Amino acid sequence: MAQAPNTYPTWLAPSAPVLISFNESLLANSPERFAEVGPPPARLCYRVVEPAEYHLKVISTKFVEQGKVRYQFEFRGELPRTNTWTAAPRGTVVLLHGYGLAQFAMVPWAFQLAQEGWRCVLVDLRGHGKSTGKMIYFGITEARDMSQLLDVLKNRDQLSPPVAVIGDSYGAALALRWKTIDPRVGRVVAIAPYGVLSDATLNICRDYAKFLPKALIRAGLKQLPAVLDVNADDLDTTTVLARHPVAALFVAGAEDNVIPVTDLRRLYAEALPGSELIVVPGATHETLPYYFSELVPPVLEWLNTNKPDSR
């Protein structure tokens, strides 16, 4: 459980229920960069997508393959010919992907927000994608990683305040945790964050690894705090918000079997007044981040509102 996901053998990966596609040439002006963080030491891979007009279009398809429902989201765009935002971006949005994924999963959001005037930072989290790190820490160490990444961005003149964060699933839980320790983090959008890590893990295994005995999974969860040298409840986002509540826009999928709406409502209840919760009809855990027609308007409204947290 603590092993870096990018070290897993490829044969272990389940078939993807959601396919996303985009023209990689759109990233031509966003080269990979690296930032050293730690301890424990890790080298994070990131890209900066500058604000510009990308003429983004979304085409979604639902189909059945080998008896299972599959979804495909195609994102089409164009390299910008002119750029009216670069001199004065609205701010910087850091985009945090889900467990076992990498920055590619959040690329569509980078294009969407960039054409709204935001400088966007795509990052492979520790132990994911092209970033290094032998273990993952379910946000405890990664939150410090993100603060160090902000330092690097500032030193490289790639940071324009205010700073906002959008995270999905594992990345959403990290976004909430990060905001509790770094005053530079402003608006947070948390798409299907887990409240209790053990519950989310068991739900994921039910969907993706039915061959694993539940007793084995529970035994692993029991040992995880000792492996990471933390208290068990420190791994839960509900504990984090109970101790240090923050305001955020929470997003739930009505058909999410990994983070059910009832679980997300309990997490939302721990947040500061002024937080918001939206539920997207028909969205599963995997498809939820790509329901752009439902999500883009409230996300933009949340990001563009500069009201302080209620305390």
C-alpha atoms as a PDB file:
ATOM      1  CA  MET A   1       0.000   0.000   0.000  1.00  0.00           C
ATOM      2  CA  ALA A   2       2.835   2.395   0.720  1.00  0.00           C
ATOM      3  CA  GLN A   3       4.914   1.334  -2.289  1.00  0.00           C
ATOM      4  CA  ALA A   4       5.175   3.966  -5.023  1.00  0.00           C
ATOM      5  CA  PRO A   5       2.490   3.184  -7.635  1.00  0.00           C
ATOM      6  CA  ASN A   6       4.873   3.887 -10.515  1.00  0.00           C
ATOM      7  CA  THR A   7       6.903   0.842  -9.441  1.00  0.00           C
ATOM      8  CA  TYR A   8       4.033  -1.621  -9.796  1.00  0.00           C
ATOM      9  CA  PRO A   9       4.369  -4.197 -12.594  1.00  0.00           C
ATOM     10  CA  THR A  10       2.269  -3.267 -15.642  1.00  0.00           C
ATOM     11  CA  TRP A  11       0.391  -6.572 -15.578  1.00  0.00           C
ATOM     12  CA  LEU A  12      -1.147  -5.554 -12.259  1.00  0.00           C
ATOM     13  CA  ALA A  13      -2.937  -2.556 -13.754  1.00  0.00           C
ATOM     14  CA  PRO A  14      -6.683  -3.082 -14.279  1.00  0.00           C
ATOM     15  CA  SER A  15      -8.410  -2.097 -17.511  1.00  0.00           C
ATOM     16  CA  ALA A  16      -9.381   1.557 -17.494  1.00  0.00           C
ATOM     17  CA  PRO A  17     -13.117   2.282 -17.270  1.00  0.00           C
ATOM     18  CA  VAL A  18     -12.462   5.808 -18.559  1.00  0.00           C
ATOM     19  CA  LEU A  19     -10.366   6.856 -21.537  1.00  0.00           C
ATOM     20  CA  ILE A  20      -9.278  10.450 -22.038  1.00  0.00           C
ATOM     21  CA  SER A  21      -7.566  11.754 -25.134  1.00  0.00           C
ATOM     22  CA  PHE A  22      -6.065  15.075 -26.134  1.00  0.00           C
ATOM     23  CA  ASN A  23      -3.550  16.369 -28.640  1.00  0.00           C
ATOM     24  CA  GLU A  24      -0.189  16.201 -26.883  1.00  0.00           C
ATOM     25  CA  SER A  25       1.114  18.953 -29.182  1.00  0.00           C
ATOM     26  CA  LEU A  26      -0.864  21.341 -26.988  1.00  0.00           C
ATOM     27  CA  LEU A  27       1.850  20.816 -24.384  1.00  0.00           C
ATOM     28  CA  ALA A  28       4.614  21.906 -26.759  1.00  0.00           C
ATOM     29  CA  ASN A  29       4.982  25.198 -24.927  1.00  0.00           C
ATOM     30  CA  SER A  30       4.883  23.489 -21.514  1.00  0.00           C
ATOM     31  CA  PRO A  31       8.122  21.502 -21.179  1.00  0.00           C
ATOM     32  CA  GLU A  32       8.711  19.125 -18.300  1.00  0.00           C
ATOM     33  CA  ARG A  33      10.590  20.626 -15.381  1.00  0.00           C
ATOM     34  CA  PHE A  34      11.796  19.044 -12.149  1.00  0.00           C
ATOM     35  CA  ALA A  35      11.841  20.100  -8.512  1.00  0.00           C
ATOM     36  CA  GLU A  36      13.761  18.496  -5.654  1.00  0.00           C
ATOM     37  CA  VAL A  37      11.707  18.006  -2.490  1.00  0.00           C
ATOM     38  CA  GLY A  38      11.975  16.140   0.792  1.00  0.00           C
ATOM     39  CA  PRO A  39      12.818  14.596   3.140  1.00  0.00           C
ATOM     40  CA  PRO A  40      12.484  11.810   2.200  1.00  0.00           C
ATOM     41  CA  PRO A  41      14.081  12.999  -1.041  1.00  0.00           C
ATOM     42  CA  ALA A  42      12.077  12.937  -4.243  1.00  0.00           C
ATOM     43  CA  ARG A  43      12.249  14.611  -7.637  1.00  0.00           C
ATOM     44  CA  LEU A  44       8.897  15.917  -8.826  1.00  0.00           C
ATOM     45  CA  CYS A  45       8.088  16.272 -12.513  1.00  0.00           C
ATOM     46  CA  TYR A  46       5.868  19.242 -13.359  1.00  0.00           C
ATOM     47  CA  ARG A  47       4.695  21.422 -16.254  1.00  0.00           C
ATOM     48  CA  VAL A  48       3.419  24.996 -16.346  1.00  0.00           C
ATOM     49  CA  VAL A  49       0.579  25.701 -18.762  1.00  0.00           C
ATOM     50  CA  GLU A  50       0.395  29.422 -19.430  1.00  0.00           C
ATOM     51  CA  PRO A  51      -2.929  31.207 -19.761  1.00  0.00           C
ATOM     52  CA  ALA A  52      -4.027  31.471 -23.395  1.00  0.00           C
ATOM     53  CA  GLU A  53      -6.947  30.684 -25.679  1.00  0.00           C
ATOM     54  CA  TYR A  54      -6.919  26.969 -26.502  1.00  0.00           C
ATOM     55  CA  HIS A  55     -10.474  26.739 -27.945  1.00  0.00           C
ATOM     56  CA  LEU A  56     -11.102  23.641 -25.861  1.00  0.00           C
ATOM     57  CA  LYS A  57     -13.981  21.353 -26.875  1.00  0.00           C
ATOM     58  CA  VAL A  58     -15.159  18.236 -25.056  1.00  0.00           C
ATOM     59  CA  ILE A  59     -16.664  15.180 -26.758  1.00  0.00           C
ATOM     60  CA  SER A  60     -17.936  12.443 -24.444  1.00  0.00           C
ATOM     61  CA  THR A  61     -18.875   8.895 -25.459  1.00  0.00           C
ATOM     62  CA  LYS A  62     -20.376   6.022 -23.488  1.00  0.00           C
ATOM     63  CA  PHE A  63     -20.132   2.462 -24.811  1.00  0.00           C
ATOM     64  CA  VAL A  64     -20.125  -1.184 -23.740  1.00  0.00           C
ATOM     65  CA  GLU A  65     -16.990  -3.297 -24.166  1.00  0.00           C
ATOM     66  CA  GLN A  66     -16.835  -6.957 -23.111  1.00  0.00           C
ATOM     67  CA  GLY A  67     -19.988  -6.499 -21.104  1.00  0.00           C
ATOM     68  CA  LYS A  68     -18.670  -3.485 -19.165  1.00  0.00           C
ATOM     69  CA  VAL A  69     -19.596   0.164 -19.531  1.00  0.00           C
ATOM     70  CA  ARG A  70     -16.739   2.337 -20.742  1.00  0.00           C
ATOM     71  CA  TYR A  71     -16.491   6.100 -21.078  1.00  0.00           C
ATOM     72  CA  GLN A  72     -14.335   8.179 -23.391  1.00  0.00           C
ATOM     73  CA  PHE A  73     -13.705  11.896 -23.086  1.00  0.00           C
ATOM     74  CA  GLU A  74     -11.980  13.546 -26.022  1.00  0.00           C
ATOM     75  CA  PHE A  75     -10.557  17.035 -25.545  1.00  0.00           C
ATOM     76  CA  ARG A  76      -9.785  19.016 -28.660  1.00  0.00           C
ATOM     77  CA  GLY A  77      -7.909  22.279 -28.705  1.00  0.00           C
ATOM     78  CA  GLU A  78      -5.536  24.488 -30.634  1.00  0.00           C
ATOM     79  CA  LEU A  79      -2.174  26.008 -29.900  1.00  0.00           C
ATOM     80  CA  PRO A  80      -2.736  29.680 -29.063  1.00  0.00           C
ATOM     81  CA  ARG A  81      -2.019  32.240 -31.781  1.00  0.00           C
ATOM     82  CA  THR A  82      -2.365  35.201 -29.467  1.00  0.00           C
ATOM     83  CA  ASN A  83      -2.135  35.488 -25.717  1.00  0.00           C
ATOM     84  CA  THR A  84      -3.864  38.295 -23.861  1.00  0.00           C
ATOM     85  CA  TRP A  85      -3.418  36.777 -20.394  1.00  0.00           C
ATOM     86  CA  THR A  86       0.302  36.109 -19.959  1.00  0.00           C
ATOM     87  CA  ALA A  87       1.174  39.570 -18.673  1.00  0.00           C
ATOM     88  CA  ALA A  88      -1.475  39.405 -15.963  1.00  0.00           C
ATOM     89  CA  PRO A  89      -2.762  35.920 -15.109  1.00  0.00           C
ATOM     90  CA  ARG A  90      -5.640  35.652 -12.662  1.00  0.00           C
ATOM     91  CA  GLY A  91      -3.425  33.501 -10.445  1.00  0.00           C
ATOM     92  CA  THR A  92      -1.923  30.011 -10.276  1.00  0.00           C
ATOM     93  CA  VAL A  93      -3.872  26.772 -10.050  1.00  0.00           C
ATOM     94  CA  VAL A  94      -2.041  23.607  -8.969  1.00  0.00           C
ATOM     95  CA  LEU A  95      -3.716  20.460 -10.322  1.00  0.00           C
ATOM     96  CA  LEU A  96      -3.416  17.234  -8.313  1.00  0.00           C
ATOM     97  CA  HIS A  97      -4.243  13.851  -9.859  1.00  0.00           C
ATOM     98  CA  GLY A  98      -5.660  10.694  -8.297  1.00  0.00           C
ATOM     99  CA  TYR A  99      -3.936   7.632  -6.911  1.00  0.00           C
ATOM    100  CA  GLY A 100      -1.987   5.578  -9.447  1.00  0.00           C
ATOM    101  CA  LEU A 101      -2.393   8.228 -12.160  1.00  0.00           C
ATOM    102  CA  ALA A 102      -0.185  11.134 -13.214  1.00  0.00           C
ATOM    103  CA  GLN A 103      -0.416  14.712 -14.431  1.00  0.00           C
ATOM    104  CA  PHE A 104      -1.954  13.647 -17.763  1.00  0.00           C
ATOM    105  CA  ALA A 105      -5.228  12.996 -15.934  1.00  0.00           C
ATOM    106  CA  MET A 106      -5.546  16.717 -15.131  1.00  0.00           C
ATOM    107  CA  VAL A 107      -4.344  18.113 -18.478  1.00  0.00           C
ATOM    108  CA  PRO A 108      -7.893  18.908 -19.671  1.00  0.00           C
ATOM    109  CA  TRP A 109      -8.442  21.065 -16.596  1.00  0.00           C
ATOM    110  CA  ALA A 110      -5.173  22.866 -17.284  1.00  0.00           C
ATOM    111  CA  PHE A 111      -6.355  23.862 -20.773  1.00  0.00           C
ATOM    112  CA  GLN A 112      -9.813  24.805 -19.523  1.00  0.00           C
ATOM    113  CA  LEU A 113      -8.539  27.014 -16.725  1.00  0.00           C
ATOM    114  CA  ALA A 114      -5.664  28.442 -18.771  1.00  0.00           C
ATOM    115  CA  GLN A 115      -8.091  29.816 -21.329  1.00  0.00           C
ATOM    116  CA  GLU A 116      -9.917  31.468 -18.433  1.00  0.00           C
ATOM    117  CA  GLY A 117      -6.732  33.322 -17.517  1.00  0.00           C
ATOM    118  CA  TRP A 118      -5.154  31.033 -14.922  1.00  0.00           C
ATOM    119  CA  ARG A 119      -1.564  29.823 -14.971  1.00  0.00           C
ATOM    120  CA  CYS A 120      -1.798  26.077 -14.327  1.00  0.00           C
ATOM    121  CA  VAL A 121       0.736  23.706 -12.796  1.00  0.00           C
ATOM    122  CA  LEU A 122       0.514  20.006 -13.604  1.00  0.00           C
ATOM    123  CA  VAL A 123       2.528  17.770 -11.306  1.00  0.00           C
ATOM    124  CA  ASP A 124       3.298  14.076 -10.922  1.00  0.00           C
ATOM    125  CA  LEU A 125       2.964  13.463  -7.200  1.00  0.00           C
ATOM    126  CA  ARG A 126       5.661  11.627  -5.284  1.00  0.00           C
ATOM    127  CA  GLY A 127       5.880   8.007  -6.501  1.00  0.00           C
ATOM    128  CA  HIS A 128       3.658   8.695  -9.512  1.00  0.00           C
ATOM    129  CA  GLY A 129       4.340   9.281 -13.199  1.00  0.00           C
ATOM    130  CA  LYS A 130       7.864  10.529 -13.798  1.00  0.00           C
ATOM    131  CA  SER A 131       8.419  11.653 -10.209  1.00  0.00           C
ATOM    132  CA  THR A 132      10.641   9.653  -7.904  1.00  0.00           C
ATOM    133  CA  GLY A 133      10.110   8.441  -4.353  1.00  0.00           C
ATOM    134  CA  LYS A 134      10.098   4.892  -3.041  1.00  0.00           C
ATOM    135  CA  MET A 135       6.960   5.310  -0.951  1.00  0.00           C
ATOM    136  CA  ILE A 136       3.831   7.398  -0.755  1.00  0.00           C
ATOM    137  CA  TYR A 137       2.477   8.886   2.472  1.00  0.00           C
ATOM    138  CA  PHE A 138      -1.184   9.582   1.680  1.00  0.00           C
ATOM    139  CA  GLY A 139      -0.742  13.329   1.932  1.00  0.00           C
ATOM    140  CA  ILE A 140       1.274  13.644   5.125  1.00  0.00           C
ATOM    141  CA  THR A 141       4.602  14.108   3.338  1.00  0.00           C
ATOM    142  CA  GLU A 142       3.090  15.155   0.011  1.00  0.00           C
ATOM    143  CA  ALA A 143       1.621  18.324   1.523  1.00  0.00           C
ATOM    144  CA  ARG A 144       5.139  19.460   2.387  1.00  0.00           C
ATOM    145  CA  ASP A 145       6.229  18.446  -1.115  1.00  0.00           C
ATOM    146  CA  MET A 146       3.648  20.820  -2.562  1.00  0.00           C
ATOM    147  CA  SER A 147       4.780  23.706  -0.366  1.00  0.00           C
ATOM    148  CA  GLN A 148       8.352  23.113  -1.518  1.00  0.00           C
ATOM    149  CA  LEU A 149       7.124  23.040  -5.115  1.00  0.00           C
ATOM    150  CA  LEU A 150       5.581  26.483  -4.584  1.00  0.00           C
ATOM    151  CA  ASP A 151       8.973  27.704  -3.347  1.00  0.00           C
ATOM    152  CA  VAL A 152      10.596  26.370  -6.517  1.00  0.00           C
ATOM    153  CA  LEU A 153       7.955  27.988  -8.723  1.00  0.00           C
ATOM    154  CA  LYS A 154       8.462  31.318  -6.971  1.00  0.00           C
ATOM    155  CA  ASN A 155      12.237  31.144  -7.388  1.00  0.00           C
ATOM    156  CA  ARG A 156      11.765  30.379 -11.089  1.00  0.00           C
ATOM    157  CA  ASP A 157       9.270  33.239 -11.597  1.00  0.00           C
ATOM    158  CA  GLN A 158       6.526  30.746 -12.392  1.00  0.00           C
ATOM    159  CA  LEU A 159       4.188  31.632  -9.529  1.00  0.00           C
ATOM    160  CA  SER A 160       1.475  34.284  -9.785  1.00  0.00           C
ATOM    161  CA  PRO A 161      -0.709  34.742  -6.704  1.00  0.00           C
ATOM    162  CA  PRO A 162      -3.320  33.964  -5.601  1.00  0.00           C
ATOM    163  CA  VAL A 163      -2.724  30.207  -5.433  1.00  0.00           C
ATOM    164  CA  ALA A 164      -5.638  27.804  -5.881  1.00  0.00           C
ATOM    165  CA  VAL A 165      -5.695  24.006  -5.926  1.00  0.00           C
ATOM    166  CA  ILE A 166      -7.919  21.506  -7.706  1.00  0.00           C
ATOM    167  CA  GLY A 167      -7.523  17.867  -6.725  1.00  0.00           C
ATOM    168  CA  ASP A 168      -9.208  14.636  -7.709  1.00  0.00           C
ATOM    169  CA  SER A 169      -9.700  11.737  -5.263  1.00  0.00           C
ATOM    170  CA  TYR A 170      -6.271  11.109  -3.663  1.00  0.00           C
ATOM    171  CA  GLY A 171      -5.233  14.533  -4.983  1.00  0.00           C
ATOM    172  CA  ALA A 172      -8.357  16.125  -3.507  1.00  0.00           C
ATOM    173  CA  ALA A 173      -7.599  14.750  -0.046  1.00  0.00           C
ATOM    174  CA  LEU A 174      -4.071  16.101  -0.458  1.00  0.00           C
ATOM    175  CA  ALA A 175      -5.377  19.511  -1.528  1.00  0.00           C
ATOM    176  CA  LEU A 176      -7.456  19.821   1.653  1.00  0.00           C
ATOM    177  CA  ARG A 177      -4.556  18.695   3.828  1.00  0.00           C
ATOM    178  CA  TRP A 178      -2.156  21.073   2.086  1.00  0.00           C
ATOM    179  CA  LYS A 179      -4.413  24.058   2.709  1.00  0.00           C
ATOM    180  CA  THR A 180      -4.301  23.381   6.460  1.00  0.00           C
ATOM    181  CA  ILE A 181      -0.523  23.855   6.594  1.00  0.00           C
ATOM    182  CA  ASP A 182       0.243  26.499   3.946  1.00  0.00           C
ATOM    183  CA  PRO A 183      -1.321  29.983   4.184  1.00  0.00           C
ATOM    184  CA  ARG A 184      -0.405  30.650   0.552  1.00  0.00           C
ATOM    185  CA  VAL A 185      -3.085  28.202  -0.585  1.00  0.00           C
ATOM    186  CA  GLY A 186      -6.370  29.969  -1.187  1.00  0.00           C
ATOM    187  CA  ARG A 187      -9.350  28.460  -2.970  1.00  0.00           C
ATOM    188  CA  VAL A 188      -9.579  24.648  -3.018  1.00  0.00           C
ATOM    189  CA  VAL A 189     -11.746  22.441  -5.223  1.00  0.00           C
ATOM    190  CA  ALA A 190     -11.922  18.880  -3.873  1.00  0.00           C
ATOM    191  CA  ILE A 191     -13.354  16.391  -6.370  1.00  0.00           C
ATOM    192  CA  ALA A 192     -14.354  13.179  -4.562  1.00  0.00           C
ATOM    193  CA  PRO A 193     -11.822  13.326  -1.691  1.00  0.00           C
ATOM    194  CA  TYR A 194     -11.811  10.372   0.665  1.00  0.00           C
ATOM    195  CA  GLY A 195     -12.730  10.981   4.283  1.00  0.00           C
ATOM    196  CA  VAL A 196     -11.622   7.678   5.812  1.00  0.00           C
ATOM    197  CA  LEU A 197      -8.729   6.058   3.969  1.00  0.00           C
ATOM    198  CA  SER A 198      -9.603   2.495   4.949  1.00  0.00           C
ATOM    199  CA  ASP A 199     -13.158   2.827   3.629  1.00  0.00           C
ATOM    200  CA  ALA A 200     -11.975   4.188   0.290  1.00  0.00           C
ATOM    201  CA  THR A 201      -9.326   1.469  -0.007  1.00  0.00           C
ATOM    202  CA  LEU A 202     -11.838  -1.314   0.575  1.00  0.00           C
ATOM    203  CA  ASN A 203     -14.227   0.251  -1.939  1.00  0.00           C
ATOM    204  CA  ILE A 204     -11.505   0.527  -4.570  1.00  0.00           C
ATOM    205  CA  CYS A 205     -10.423  -3.064  -4.053  1.00  0.00           C
ATOM    206  CA  ARG A 206     -14.026  -4.207  -4.407  1.00  0.00           C
ATOM    207  CA  ASP A 207     -14.156  -2.570  -7.845  1.00  0.00           C
ATOM    208  CA  TYR A 208     -10.641  -3.287  -9.096  1.00  0.00           C
ATOM    209  CA  ALA A 209      -9.200  -6.221  -7.147  1.00  0.00           C
ATOM    210  CA  LYS A 210     -12.004  -8.586  -6.170  1.00  0.00           C
ATOM    211  CA  PHE A 211      -9.480 -11.423  -6.127  1.00  0.00           C
ATOM    212  CA  LEU A 212      -7.834  -9.979  -3.002  1.00  0.00           C
ATOM    213  CA  PRO A 213      -9.332 -11.289   0.266  1.00  0.00           C
ATOM    214  CA  LYS A 214     -10.809  -8.513   2.403  1.00  0.00           C
ATOM    215  CA  ALA A 215      -8.957  -9.931   5.409  1.00  0.00           C
ATOM    216  CA  LEU A 216      -5.656  -9.366   3.597  1.00  0.00           C
ATOM    217  CA  ILE A 217      -6.579  -5.776   2.756  1.00  0.00           C
ATOM    218  CA  ARG A 218      -7.651  -5.047   6.324  1.00  0.00           C
ATOM    219  CA  ALA A 219      -4.416  -6.554   7.626  1.00  0.00           C
ATOM    220  CA  GLY A 220      -2.466  -4.252   5.319  1.00  0.00           C
ATOM    221  CA  LEU A 221      -4.450  -1.230   6.455  1.00  0.00           C
ATOM    222  CA  LYS A 222      -3.773  -2.156  10.065  1.00  0.00           C
ATOM    223  CA  GLN A 223      -0.016  -2.235   9.419  1.00  0.00           C
ATOM    224  CA  LEU A 224       0.081   0.920   7.282  1.00  0.00           C
ATOM    225  CA  PRO A 225       0.361   3.483  10.125  1.00  0.00           C
ATOM    226  CA  ALA A 226       3.387   1.635  11.558  1.00  0.00           C
ATOM    227  CA  VAL A 227       5.012   1.490   8.120  1.00  0.00           C
ATOM    228  CA  LEU A 228       4.542   5.246   7.706  1.00  0.00           C
ATOM    229  CA  ASP A 229       5.299   5.978  11.383  1.00  0.00           C
ATOM    230  CA  VAL A 230       2.056   7.900  11.945  1.00  0.00           C
ATOM    231  CA  ASN A 231      -1.100   7.514  14.013  1.00  0.00           C
ATOM    232  CA  ALA A 232      -3.867   5.669  12.196  1.00  0.00           C
ATOM    233  CA  ASP A 233      -6.373   8.521  12.317  1.00  0.00           C
ATOM    234  CA  ASP A 234      -3.793  10.935  10.870  1.00  0.00           C
ATOM    235  CA  LEU A 235      -4.342   9.207   7.524  1.00  0.00           C
ATOM    236  CA  ASP A 236      -8.012  10.229   7.431  1.00  0.00           C
ATOM    237  CA  THR A 237      -9.086  13.523   5.872  1.00  0.00           C
ATOM    238  CA  THR A 238     -11.965  13.749   8.335  1.00  0.00           C
ATOM    239  CA  THR A 239      -9.407  13.930  11.142  1.00  0.00           C
ATOM    240  CA  VAL A 240      -7.466  16.636   9.313  1.00  0.00           C
ATOM    241  CA  LEU A 241     -10.534  18.839   8.847  1.00  0.00           C
ATOM    242  CA  ALA A 242     -11.834  18.180  12.363  1.00  0.00           C
ATOM    243  CA  ARG A 243      -8.561  19.530  13.741  1.00  0.00           C
ATOM    244  CA  HIS A 244      -8.013  22.296  11.190  1.00  0.00           C
ATOM    245  CA  PRO A 245     -11.198  23.030   9.247  1.00  0.00           C
ATOM    246  CA  VAL A 246     -10.887  24.860   5.944  1.00  0.00           C
ATOM    247  CA  ALA A 247     -13.341  26.082   3.317  1.00  0.00           C
ATOM    248  CA  ALA A 248     -13.552  24.284  -0.018  1.00  0.00           C
ATOM    249  CA  LEU A 249     -15.804  23.462  -2.929  1.00  0.00           C
ATOM    250  CA  PHE A 250     -16.605  19.750  -2.607  1.00  0.00           C
ATOM    251  CA  VAL A 251     -17.695  17.768  -5.662  1.00  0.00           C
ATOM    252  CA  ALA A 252     -19.443  14.388  -5.467  1.00  0.00           C
ATOM    253  CA  GLY A 253     -20.633  11.933  -8.091  1.00  0.00           C
ATOM    254  CA  ALA A 254     -24.135  10.567  -7.603  1.00  0.00           C
ATOM    255  CA  GLU A 255     -23.001   7.126  -8.856  1.00  0.00           C
ATOM    256  CA  ASP A 256     -19.621   7.100  -7.110  1.00  0.00           C
ATOM    257  CA  ASN A 257     -19.111   3.712  -5.433  1.00  0.00           C
ATOM    258  CA  VAL A 258     -15.619   4.570  -4.141  1.00  0.00           C
ATOM    259  CA  ILE A 259     -16.500   7.804  -2.345  1.00  0.00           C
ATOM    260  CA  PRO A 260     -20.282   7.661  -1.935  1.00  0.00           C
ATOM    261  CA  VAL A 261     -22.183  10.911  -1.570  1.00  0.00           C
ATOM    262  CA  THR A 262     -23.007  10.049   2.054  1.00  0.00           C
ATOM    263  CA  ASP A 263     -19.289   9.763   2.848  1.00  0.00           C
ATOM    264  CA  LEU A 264     -18.529  13.076   1.194  1.00  0.00           C
ATOM    265  CA  ARG A 265     -21.328  14.792   3.081  1.00  0.00           C
ATOM    266  CA  ARG A 266     -19.703  13.692   6.350  1.00  0.00           C
ATOM    267  CA  LEU A 267     -16.409  15.195   5.227  1.00  0.00           C
ATOM    268  CA  TYR A 268     -18.153  18.372   4.063  1.00  0.00           C
ATOM    269  CA  ALA A 269     -19.704  18.682   7.524  1.00  0.00           C
ATOM    270  CA  GLU A 270     -16.204  19.104   8.997  1.00  0.00           C
ATOM    271  CA  ALA A 271     -15.359  22.028   6.691  1.00  0.00           C
ATOM    272  CA  LEU A 272     -15.664  25.710   7.519  1.00  0.00           C
ATOM    273  CA  PRO A 273     -18.880  27.639   6.903  1.00  0.00           C
ATOM    274  CA  GLY A 274     -18.826  29.054   3.394  1.00  0.00           C
ATOM    275  CA  SER A 275     -17.895  25.717   1.881  1.00  0.00           C
ATOM    276  CA  GLU A 276     -20.066  24.353  -0.898  1.00  0.00           C
ATOM    277  CA  LEU A 277     -21.053  20.863  -2.033  1.00  0.00           C
ATOM    278  CA  ILE A 278     -22.326  19.938  -5.481  1.00  0.00           C
ATOM    279  CA  VAL A 279     -23.484  16.481  -6.588  1.00  0.00           C
ATOM    280  CA  VAL A 280     -23.196  15.559 -10.271  1.00  0.00           C
ATOM    281  CA  PRO A 281     -25.988  13.218 -11.440  1.00  0.00           C
ATOM    282  CA  GLY A 282     -24.832  10.047 -13.197  1.00  0.00           C
ATOM    283  CA  ALA A 283     -21.131  10.574 -12.461  1.00  0.00           C
ATOM    284  CA  THR A 284     -18.984   7.677 -11.236  1.00  0.00           C
ATOM    285  CA  HIS A 285     -15.732   8.067  -9.342  1.00  0.00           C
ATOM    286  CA  GLU A 286     -13.661   7.779 -12.517  1.00  0.00           C
ATOM    287  CA  THR A 287     -15.840   9.934 -14.777  1.00  0.00           C
ATOM    288  CA  LEU A 288     -16.612  12.718 -12.304  1.00  0.00           C
ATOM    289  CA  PRO A 289     -13.596  14.983 -13.061  1.00  0.00           C
ATOM    290  CA  TYR A 290     -14.541  15.136 -16.752  1.00  0.00           C
ATOM    291  CA  TYR A 291     -18.155  16.267 -16.474  1.00  0.00           C
ATOM    292  CA  PHE A 292     -17.052  19.678 -17.693  1.00  0.00           C
ATOM    293  CA  SER A 293     -20.482  21.034 -18.630  1.00  0.00           C
ATOM    294  CA  GLU A 294     -21.634  20.509 -15.028  1.00  0.00           C
ATOM    295  CA  LEU A 295     -18.381  21.389 -13.258  1.00  0.00           C
ATOM    296  CA  VAL A 296     -16.748  24.264 -15.117  1.00  0.00           C
ATOM    297  CA  PRO A 297     -19.293  26.995 -14.191  1.00  0.00           C
ATOM    298  CA  PRO A 298     -19.306  26.354 -10.410  1.00  0.00           C
ATOM    299  CA  VAL A 299     -15.536  25.789 -10.335  1.00  0.00           C
ATOM    300  CA  LEU A 300     -14.870  29.087 -12.126  1.00  0.00           C
ATOM    301  CA  GLU A 301     -17.284  30.891  -9.821  1.00  0.00           C
ATOM    302  CA  TRP A 302     -15.523  29.398  -6.802  1.00  0.00           C
ATOM    303  CA  LEU A 303     -12.036  30.274  -8.060  1.00  0.00           C
ATOM    304  CA  ASN A 304     -12.971  33.810  -9.079  1.00  0.00           C
ATOM    305  CA  THR A 305     -14.606  34.661  -5.738  1.00  0.00           C
ATOM    306  CA  ASN A 306     -12.072  36.210  -3.406  1.00  0.00           C
ATOM    307  CA  LYS A 307     -14.051  36.015  -0.183  1.00  0.00           C
ATOM    308  CA  PRO A 308     -12.023  34.864   2.863  1.00  0.00           C
ATOM    309  CA  ASP A 309     -12.727  31.654   4.789  1.00  0.00           C
ATOM    310  CA  SER A 310     -15.257  31.935   7.626  1.00  0.00           C
ATOM    311  CA  ARG A 311     -13.715  31.111  10.981  1.00  0.00           C
END
